[in-house]
Amino acid sequence: MLKAAIVLMLLATIASLFSGLVFLVKDDENSTRLLKALTVRVTLAALTVGLVAWGVISGQLVSHAPF
């Protein structure tokens, strides 16, 4: 369940990234949609990092790296 939430958050972050790109190219100077897209993207990235940290701390996400 946690892994699915992390993947969904990453997909939402990518969608916000591309919407910000569209707003950057298409909008005029006075539009605030680019700023809102950046705010959403930063918030989603912070929540994703928080979910990963919570998963590692709770033991739901473990590393199988040999080093």
C-alpha atoms as a PDB file:
ATOM      1  CA  MET A   1       0.000   0.000   0.000  1.00  0.00           C
ATOM      2  CA  LEU A   2       2.813   2.391   0.869  1.00  0.00           C
ATOM      3  CA  LYS A   3       4.678   1.641  -2.352  1.00  0.00           C
ATOM      4  CA  ALA A   4       1.551   2.376  -4.383  1.00  0.00           C
ATOM      5  CA  ALA A   5       1.130   5.706  -2.581  1.00  0.00           C
ATOM      6  CA  ILE A   6       4.748   6.619  -3.314  1.00  0.00           C
ATOM      7  CA  VAL A   7       4.346   5.744  -7.003  1.00  0.00           C
ATOM      8  CA  LEU A   8       1.137   7.800  -7.203  1.00  0.00           C
ATOM      9  CA  MET A   9       2.876  10.765  -5.579  1.00  0.00           C
ATOM     10  CA  LEU A  10       5.754  10.506  -8.061  1.00  0.00           C
ATOM     11  CA  LEU A  11       3.312  10.385 -10.992  1.00  0.00           C
ATOM     12  CA  ALA A  12       1.464  13.405  -9.626  1.00  0.00           C
ATOM     13  CA  THR A  13       4.782  15.238  -9.285  1.00  0.00           C
ATOM     14  CA  ILE A  14       5.629  14.487 -12.920  1.00  0.00           C
ATOM     15  CA  ALA A  15       2.167  15.655 -14.028  1.00  0.00           C
ATOM     16  CA  SER A  16       2.663  18.898 -12.105  1.00  0.00           C
ATOM     17  CA  LEU A  17       6.081  19.310 -13.701  1.00  0.00           C
ATOM     18  CA  PHE A  18       4.651  19.076 -17.204  1.00  0.00           C
ATOM     19  CA  SER A  19       1.695  21.344 -16.397  1.00  0.00           C
ATOM     20  CA  GLY A  20       4.188  23.945 -15.173  1.00  0.00           C
ATOM     21  CA  LEU A  21       6.065  23.607 -18.457  1.00  0.00           C
ATOM     22  CA  VAL A  22       2.857  24.200 -20.406  1.00  0.00           C
ATOM     23  CA  PHE A  23       2.034  27.233 -18.279  1.00  0.00           C
ATOM     24  CA  LEU A  24       5.548  28.586 -18.793  1.00  0.00           C
ATOM     25  CA  VAL A  25       5.261  28.323 -22.557  1.00  0.00           C
ATOM     26  CA  LYS A  26       1.594  29.292 -23.117  1.00  0.00           C
ATOM     27  CA  ASP A  27       0.626  31.836 -20.434  1.00  0.00           C
ATOM     28  CA  ASP A  28       1.167  35.567 -20.416  1.00  0.00           C
ATOM     29  CA  GLU A  29       3.313  37.481 -17.925  1.00  0.00           C
ATOM     30  CA  ASN A  30       0.618  38.199 -15.342  1.00  0.00           C
ATOM     31  CA  SER A  31      -0.572  34.608 -14.873  1.00  0.00           C
ATOM     32  CA  THR A  32       0.056  32.941 -11.537  1.00  0.00           C
ATOM     33  CA  ARG A  33      -0.601  29.382 -12.742  1.00  0.00           C
ATOM     34  CA  LEU A  34       3.122  28.672 -13.078  1.00  0.00           C
ATOM     35  CA  LEU A  35       3.702  29.679  -9.458  1.00  0.00           C
ATOM     36  CA  LYS A  36       0.825  27.478  -8.313  1.00  0.00           C
ATOM     37  CA  ALA A  37       2.174  24.527 -10.309  1.00  0.00           C
ATOM     38  CA  LEU A  38       5.597  25.019  -8.703  1.00  0.00           C
ATOM     39  CA  THR A  39       4.016  25.143  -5.252  1.00  0.00           C
ATOM     40  CA  VAL A  40       2.101  21.936  -5.922  1.00  0.00           C
ATOM     41  CA  ARG A  41       5.226  20.222  -7.269  1.00  0.00           C
ATOM     42  CA  VAL A  42       7.343  21.174  -4.245  1.00  0.00           C
ATOM     43  CA  THR A  43       4.583  20.078  -1.865  1.00  0.00           C
ATOM     44  CA  LEU A  44       4.184  16.727  -3.630  1.00  0.00           C
ATOM     45  CA  ALA A  45       7.948  16.158  -3.591  1.00  0.00           C
ATOM     46  CA  ALA A  46       8.112  16.931   0.132  1.00  0.00           C
ATOM     47  CA  LEU A  47       5.231  14.544   0.820  1.00  0.00           C
ATOM     48  CA  THR A  48       6.943  11.846  -1.241  1.00  0.00           C
ATOM     49  CA  VAL A  49      10.158  12.244   0.750  1.00  0.00           C
ATOM     50  CA  GLY A  50       8.104  12.115   3.927  1.00  0.00           C
ATOM     51  CA  LEU A  51       6.391   8.897   2.823  1.00  0.00           C
ATOM     52  CA  VAL A  52       9.719   7.280   1.975  1.00  0.00           C
ATOM     53  CA  ALA A  53      11.188   8.351   5.323  1.00  0.00           C
ATOM     54  CA  TRP A  54       8.146   7.046   7.162  1.00  0.00           C
ATOM     55  CA  GLY A  55       8.380   3.743   5.288  1.00  0.00           C
ATOM     56  CA  VAL A  56      12.052   3.314   6.185  1.00  0.00           C
ATOM     57  CA  ILE A  57      11.526   4.257   9.827  1.00  0.00           C
ATOM     58  CA  SER A  58       8.490   1.987  10.223  1.00  0.00           C
ATOM     59  CA  GLY A  59      10.249  -0.913   8.490  1.00  0.00           C
ATOM     60  CA  GLN A  60       7.825  -1.169   5.575  1.00  0.00           C
ATOM     61  CA  LEU A  61      10.568  -0.181   3.120  1.00  0.00           C
ATOM     62  CA  VAL A  62      13.883  -1.977   3.468  1.00  0.00           C
ATOM     63  CA  SER A  63      17.048  -1.856   1.431  1.00  0.00           C
ATOM     64  CA  HIS A  64      18.500  -5.079   0.103  1.00  0.00           C
ATOM     65  CA  ALA A  65      21.720  -3.427  -1.057  1.00  0.00           C
ATOM     66  CA  PRO A  66      24.805  -5.541  -0.350  1.00  0.00           C
ATOM     67  CA  PHE A  67      26.864  -2.617   0.921  1.00  0.00           C
END
